Amino acid sequence: MDVEQPGLLRARTGRWLRVRVLGLLADPKTRIFRVLRAEREPEPDRGAPVIERDIDD
C-alpha cells in the first residue's frame, strides 16, 4: 500500500482525501457506511417488564 511510504500522505491533497472518504461512505461493504449511513433496525418489542415480589404467607 502506498500510504506506508514516509512523507507520502503529506504530499496528498485535500481532494485526494475527500475522494477516498466519500468512496468509503458510498460502499455498503465498508464498516463506516454501515455505521453512519445504514438505517437502524427498530428495537424488538420485549413486552412489559416482569416484577418479582416476595410474598410472605
PDB file of N, CA and C in Angstrom:
ATOM      1  N   MET A   1       0.853  -1.177   0.000  1.00  0.00           N
ATOM      2  CA  MET A   1       0.000   0.000   0.000  1.00  0.00           C
ATOM      3  C   MET A   1       0.894   1.233   0.000  1.00  0.00           C
ATOM      4  N   ASP A   2       0.559   2.199  -0.793  1.00  0.00           N
ATOM      5  CA  ASP A   2       1.435   3.356  -0.938  1.00  0.00           C
ATOM      6  C   ASP A   2       1.423   4.305   0.256  1.00  0.00           C
ATOM      7  N   VAL A   3       0.410   4.248   1.110  1.00  0.00           N
ATOM      8  CA  VAL A   3       0.359   5.164   2.257  1.00  0.00           C
ATOM      9  C   VAL A   3       1.422   4.857   3.302  1.00  0.00           C
ATOM     10  N   GLU A   4       2.073   3.722   3.184  1.00  0.00           N
ATOM     11  CA  GLU A   4       3.119   3.358   4.133  1.00  0.00           C
ATOM     12  C   GLU A   4       4.450   4.031   3.813  1.00  0.00           C
ATOM     13  N   GLN A   5       4.566   4.647   2.644  1.00  0.00           N
ATOM     14  CA  GLN A   5       5.809   5.327   2.272  1.00  0.00           C
ATOM     15  C   GLN A   5       5.942   6.618   3.074  1.00  0.00           C
ATOM     16  N   PRO A   6       7.095   6.835   3.718  1.00  0.00           N
ATOM     17  CA  PRO A   6       7.292   8.040   4.542  1.00  0.00           C
ATOM     18  C   PRO A   6       7.074   9.326   3.745  1.00  0.00           C
ATOM     19  N   GLY A   7       6.286  10.240   4.308  1.00  0.00           N
ATOM     20  CA  GLY A   7       6.056  11.547   3.706  1.00  0.00           C
ATOM     21  C   GLY A   7       5.031  11.588   2.592  1.00  0.00           C
ATOM     22  N   LEU A   8       4.550  10.448   2.158  1.00  0.00           N
ATOM     23  CA  LEU A   8       3.620  10.439   1.026  1.00  0.00           C
ATOM     24  C   LEU A   8       2.291  11.106   1.366  1.00  0.00           C
ATOM     25  N   LEU A   9       1.765  10.860   2.554  1.00  0.00           N
ATOM     26  CA  LEU A   9       0.477  11.457   2.917  1.00  0.00           C
ATOM     27  C   LEU A   9       0.568  12.983   3.004  1.00  0.00           C
ATOM     28  N   ARG A  10       1.722  13.505   3.362  1.00  0.00           N
ATOM     29  CA  ARG A  10       1.888  14.966   3.404  1.00  0.00           C
ATOM     30  C   ARG A  10       1.791  15.566   2.007  1.00  0.00           C
ATOM     31  N   ALA A  11       2.127  14.789   0.994  1.00  0.00           N
ATOM     32  CA  ALA A  11       2.080  15.269  -0.388  1.00  0.00           C
ATOM     33  C   ALA A  11       0.687  15.153  -1.001  1.00  0.00           C
ATOM     34  N   ARG A  12      -0.180  14.403  -0.374  1.00  0.00           N
ATOM     35  CA  ARG A  12      -1.531  14.233  -0.907  1.00  0.00           C
ATOM     36  C   ARG A  12      -2.357  15.492  -0.672  1.00  0.00           C
ATOM     37  N   THR A  13      -3.310  15.731  -1.546  1.00  0.00           N
ATOM     38  CA  THR A  13      -4.158  16.918  -1.439  1.00  0.00           C
ATOM     39  C   THR A  13      -5.420  16.622  -0.635  1.00  0.00           C
ATOM     40  N   GLY A  14      -6.112  17.681  -0.258  1.00  0.00           N
ATOM     41  CA  GLY A  14      -7.395  17.525   0.418  1.00  0.00           C
ATOM     42  C   GLY A  14      -8.407  16.836  -0.485  1.00  0.00           C
ATOM     43  N   ARG A  15      -8.326  17.102  -1.785  1.00  0.00           N
ATOM     44  CA  ARG A  15      -9.228  16.457  -2.734  1.00  0.00           C
ATOM     45  C   ARG A  15      -8.995  14.948  -2.748  1.00  0.00           C
ATOM     46  N   TRP A  16      -7.742  14.524  -2.689  1.00  0.00           N
ATOM     47  CA  TRP A  16      -7.409  13.100  -2.663  1.00  0.00           C
ATOM     48  C   TRP A  16      -8.091  12.430  -1.463  1.00  0.00           C
ATOM     49  N   LEU A  17      -7.966  13.059  -0.291  1.00  0.00           N
ATOM     50  CA  LEU A  17      -8.575  12.500   0.920  1.00  0.00           C
ATOM     51  C   LEU A  17     -10.094  12.498   0.810  1.00  0.00           C
ATOM     52  N   ARG A  18     -10.661  13.576   0.296  1.00  0.00           N
ATOM     53  CA  ARG A  18     -12.117  13.683   0.153  1.00  0.00           C
ATOM     54  C   ARG A  18     -12.668  12.565  -0.735  1.00  0.00           C
ATOM     55  N   VAL A  19     -11.995  12.305  -1.840  1.00  0.00           N
ATOM     56  CA  VAL A  19     -12.435  11.248  -2.755  1.00  0.00           C
ATOM     57  C   VAL A  19     -12.407   9.893  -2.054  1.00  0.00           C
ATOM     58  N   ARG A  20     -11.357   9.631  -1.267  1.00  0.00           N
ATOM     59  CA  ARG A  20     -11.260   8.358  -0.553  1.00  0.00           C
ATOM     60  C   ARG A  20     -12.359   8.206   0.486  1.00  0.00           C
ATOM     61  N   VAL A  21     -12.591   9.256   1.271  1.00  0.00           N
ATOM     62  CA  VAL A  21     -13.603   9.194   2.328  1.00  0.00           C
ATOM     63  C   VAL A  21     -14.996   9.032   1.721  1.00  0.00           C
ATOM     64  N   LEU A  22     -15.300   9.804   0.684  1.00  0.00           N
ATOM     65  CA  LEU A  22     -16.615   9.673   0.049  1.00  0.00           C
ATOM     66  C   LEU A  22     -16.794   8.291  -0.579  1.00  0.00           C
ATOM     67  N   GLY A  23     -15.726   7.719  -1.083  1.00  0.00           N
ATOM     68  CA  GLY A  23     -15.794   6.365  -1.627  1.00  0.00           C
ATOM     69  C   GLY A  23     -16.134   5.347  -0.545  1.00  0.00           C
ATOM     70  N   LEU A  24     -15.548   5.511   0.633  1.00  0.00           N
ATOM     71  CA  LEU A  24     -15.862   4.609   1.743  1.00  0.00           C
ATOM     72  C   LEU A  24     -17.305   4.774   2.201  1.00  0.00           C
ATOM     73  N   LEU A  25     -17.796   6.003   2.213  1.00  0.00           N
ATOM     74  CA  LEU A  25     -19.178   6.252   2.640  1.00  0.00           C
ATOM     75  C   LEU A  25     -20.197   5.727   1.636  1.00  0.00           C
ATOM     76  N   ALA A  26     -19.802   5.593   0.382  1.00  0.00           N
ATOM     77  CA  ALA A  26     -20.724   5.141  -0.657  1.00  0.00           C
ATOM     78  C   ALA A  26     -20.730   3.633  -0.839  1.00  0.00           C
ATOM     79  N   ASP A  27     -19.794   2.930  -0.232  1.00  0.00           N
ATOM     80  CA  ASP A  27     -19.668   1.490  -0.425  1.00  0.00           C
ATOM     81  C   ASP A  27     -20.328   0.739   0.729  1.00  0.00           C
ATOM     82  N   PRO A  28     -21.455   0.060   0.486  1.00  0.00           N
ATOM     83  CA  PRO A  28     -22.167  -0.644   1.563  1.00  0.00           C
ATOM     84  C   PRO A  28     -21.363  -1.755   2.226  1.00  0.00           C
ATOM     85  N   LYS A  29     -20.242  -2.157   1.638  1.00  0.00           N
ATOM     86  CA  LYS A  29     -19.432  -3.215   2.235  1.00  0.00           C
ATOM     87  C   LYS A  29     -18.500  -2.695   3.326  1.00  0.00           C
ATOM     88  N   THR A  30     -18.380  -1.366   3.474  1.00  0.00           N
ATOM     89  CA  THR A  30     -17.464  -0.819   4.469  1.00  0.00           C
ATOM     90  C   THR A  30     -18.154  -0.641   5.813  1.00  0.00           C
ATOM     91  N   ARG A  31     -17.370  -0.727   6.872  1.00  0.00           N
ATOM     92  CA  ARG A  31     -17.920  -0.555   8.218  1.00  0.00           C
ATOM     93  C   ARG A  31     -18.443   0.864   8.419  1.00  0.00           C
ATOM     94  N   ILE A  32     -17.729   1.859   7.893  1.00  0.00           N
ATOM     95  CA  ILE A  32     -18.159   3.243   8.101  1.00  0.00           C
ATOM     96  C   ILE A  32     -19.509   3.503   7.432  1.00  0.00           C
ATOM     97  N   PHE A  33     -19.763   2.879   6.285  1.00  0.00           N
ATOM     98  CA  PHE A  33     -21.077   3.005   5.637  1.00  0.00           C
ATOM     99  C   PHE A  33     -22.160   2.447   6.544  1.00  0.00           C
ATOM    100  N   ARG A  34     -21.914   1.232   7.058  1.00  0.00           N
ATOM    101  CA  ARG A  34     -22.941   0.592   7.882  1.00  0.00           C
ATOM    102  C   ARG A  34     -23.216   1.380   9.155  1.00  0.00           C
ATOM    103  N   VAL A  35     -22.198   1.972   9.739  1.00  0.00           N
ATOM    104  CA  VAL A  35     -22.387   2.707  10.990  1.00  0.00           C
ATOM    105  C   VAL A  35     -23.057   4.054  10.749  1.00  0.00           C
ATOM    106  N   LEU A  36     -22.612   4.785   9.734  1.00  0.00           N
ATOM    107  CA  LEU A  36     -23.087   6.160   9.547  1.00  0.00           C
ATOM    108  C   LEU A  36     -24.256   6.300   8.585  1.00  0.00           C
ATOM    109  N   ARG A  37     -24.402   5.422   7.624  1.00  0.00           N
ATOM    110  CA  ARG A  37     -25.403   5.636   6.589  1.00  0.00           C
ATOM    111  C   ARG A  37     -26.546   4.636   6.596  1.00  0.00           C
ATOM    112  N   ALA A  38     -26.323   3.454   7.112  1.00  0.00           N
ATOM    113  CA  ALA A  38     -27.364   2.425   7.065  1.00  0.00           C
ATOM    114  C   ALA A  38     -28.482   2.757   8.044  1.00  0.00           C
ATOM    115  N   GLU A  39     -29.684   2.411   7.676  1.00  0.00           N
ATOM    116  CA  GLU A  39     -30.813   2.614   8.582  1.00  0.00           C
ATOM    117  C   GLU A  39     -30.745   1.587   9.694  1.00  0.00           C
ATOM    118  N   ARG A  40     -31.037   2.032  10.878  1.00  0.00           N
ATOM    119  CA  ARG A  40     -31.016   1.120  12.022  1.00  0.00           C
ATOM    120  C   ARG A  40     -32.334   0.373  12.113  1.00  0.00           C
ATOM    121  N   GLU A  41     -32.227  -0.866  12.529  1.00  0.00           N
ATOM    122  CA  GLU A  41     -33.424  -1.672  12.716  1.00  0.00           C
ATOM    123  C   GLU A  41     -34.091  -1.272  14.022  1.00  0.00           C
ATOM    124  N   PRO A  42     -35.417  -1.269  14.067  1.00  0.00           N
ATOM    125  CA  PRO A  42     -36.096  -0.912  15.317  1.00  0.00           C
ATOM    126  C   PRO A  42     -35.814  -1.932  16.415  1.00  0.00           C
ATOM    127  N   GLU A  43     -35.849  -1.466  17.640  1.00  0.00           N
ATOM    128  CA  GLU A  43     -35.645  -2.346  18.787  1.00  0.00           C
ATOM    129  C   GLU A  43     -36.790  -3.357  18.855  1.00  0.00           C
ATOM    130  N   PRO A  44     -36.501  -4.615  19.177  1.00  0.00           N
ATOM    131  CA  PRO A  44     -37.581  -5.606  19.291  1.00  0.00           C
ATOM    132  C   PRO A  44     -38.474  -5.294  20.488  1.00  0.00           C
ATOM    133  N   ASP A  45     -39.764  -5.599  20.341  1.00  0.00           N
ATOM    134  CA  ASP A  45     -40.710  -5.378  21.433  1.00  0.00           C
ATOM    135  C   ASP A  45     -40.526  -6.497  22.442  1.00  0.00           C
ATOM    136  N   ARG A  46     -40.180  -6.136  23.648  1.00  0.00           N
ATOM    137  CA  ARG A  46     -39.925  -7.150  24.679  1.00  0.00           C
ATOM    138  C   ARG A  46     -41.081  -7.272  25.659  1.00  0.00           C
ATOM    139  N   GLY A  47     -42.152  -6.559  25.419  1.00  0.00           N
ATOM    140  CA  GLY A  47     -43.314  -6.646  26.299  1.00  0.00           C
ATOM    141  C   GLY A  47     -43.094  -5.914  27.608  1.00  0.00           C
ATOM    142  N   ALA A  48     -44.040  -6.084  28.503  1.00  0.00           N
ATOM    143  CA  ALA A  48     -43.958  -5.417  29.802  1.00  0.00           C
ATOM    144  C   ALA A  48     -42.915  -6.109  30.682  1.00  0.00           C
ATOM    145  N   PRO A  49     -42.228  -5.348  31.525  1.00  0.00           N
ATOM    146  CA  PRO A  49     -41.241  -5.979  32.408  1.00  0.00           C
ATOM    147  C   PRO A  49     -41.918  -6.852  33.455  1.00  0.00           C
ATOM    148  N   VAL A  50     -41.238  -7.914  33.843  1.00  0.00           N
ATOM    149  CA  VAL A  50     -41.751  -8.822  34.872  1.00  0.00           C
ATOM    150  C   VAL A  50     -41.190  -8.379  36.207  1.00  0.00           C
ATOM    151  N   ILE A  51     -42.089  -8.177  37.175  1.00  0.00           N
ATOM    152  CA  ILE A  51     -41.667  -7.740  38.509  1.00  0.00           C
ATOM    153  C   ILE A  51     -41.917  -8.893  39.470  1.00  0.00           C
ATOM    154  N   GLU A  52     -40.829  -9.334  40.081  1.00  0.00           N
ATOM    155  CA  GLU A  52     -40.965 -10.432  41.052  1.00  0.00           C
ATOM    156  C   GLU A  52     -41.047  -9.833  42.447  1.00  0.00           C
ATOM    157  N   ARG A  53     -41.961 -10.377  43.251  1.00  0.00           N
ATOM    158  CA  ARG A  53     -42.106  -9.894  44.627  1.00  0.00           C
ATOM    159  C   ARG A  53     -42.104 -11.075  45.570  1.00  0.00           C
ATOM    160  N   ASP A  54     -41.527 -10.860  46.718  1.00  0.00           N
ATOM    161  CA  ASP A  54     -41.586 -11.874  47.778  1.00  0.00           C
ATOM    162  C   ASP A  54     -42.887 -11.678  48.539  1.00  0.00           C
ATOM    163  N   ILE A  55     -43.641 -12.752  48.664  1.00  0.00           N
ATOM    164  CA  ILE A  55     -44.897 -12.683  49.396  1.00  0.00           C
ATOM    165  C   ILE A  55     -44.785 -13.638  50.576  1.00  0.00           C
ATOM    166  N   ASP A  56     -44.829 -13.063  51.777  1.00  0.00           N
ATOM    167  CA  ASP A  56     -44.766 -13.887  52.982  1.00  0.00           C
ATOM    168  C   ASP A  56     -46.183 -14.283  53.371  1.00  0.00           C
ATOM    169  N   ASP A  57     -46.432 -15.598  53.458  1.00  0.00           N
ATOM    170  CA  ASP A  57     -47.766 -16.073  53.852  1.00  0.00           C
ATOM    171  C   ASP A  57     -47.735 -16.603  55.248  1.00  0.00           C
TER     172      ASP A  57
END
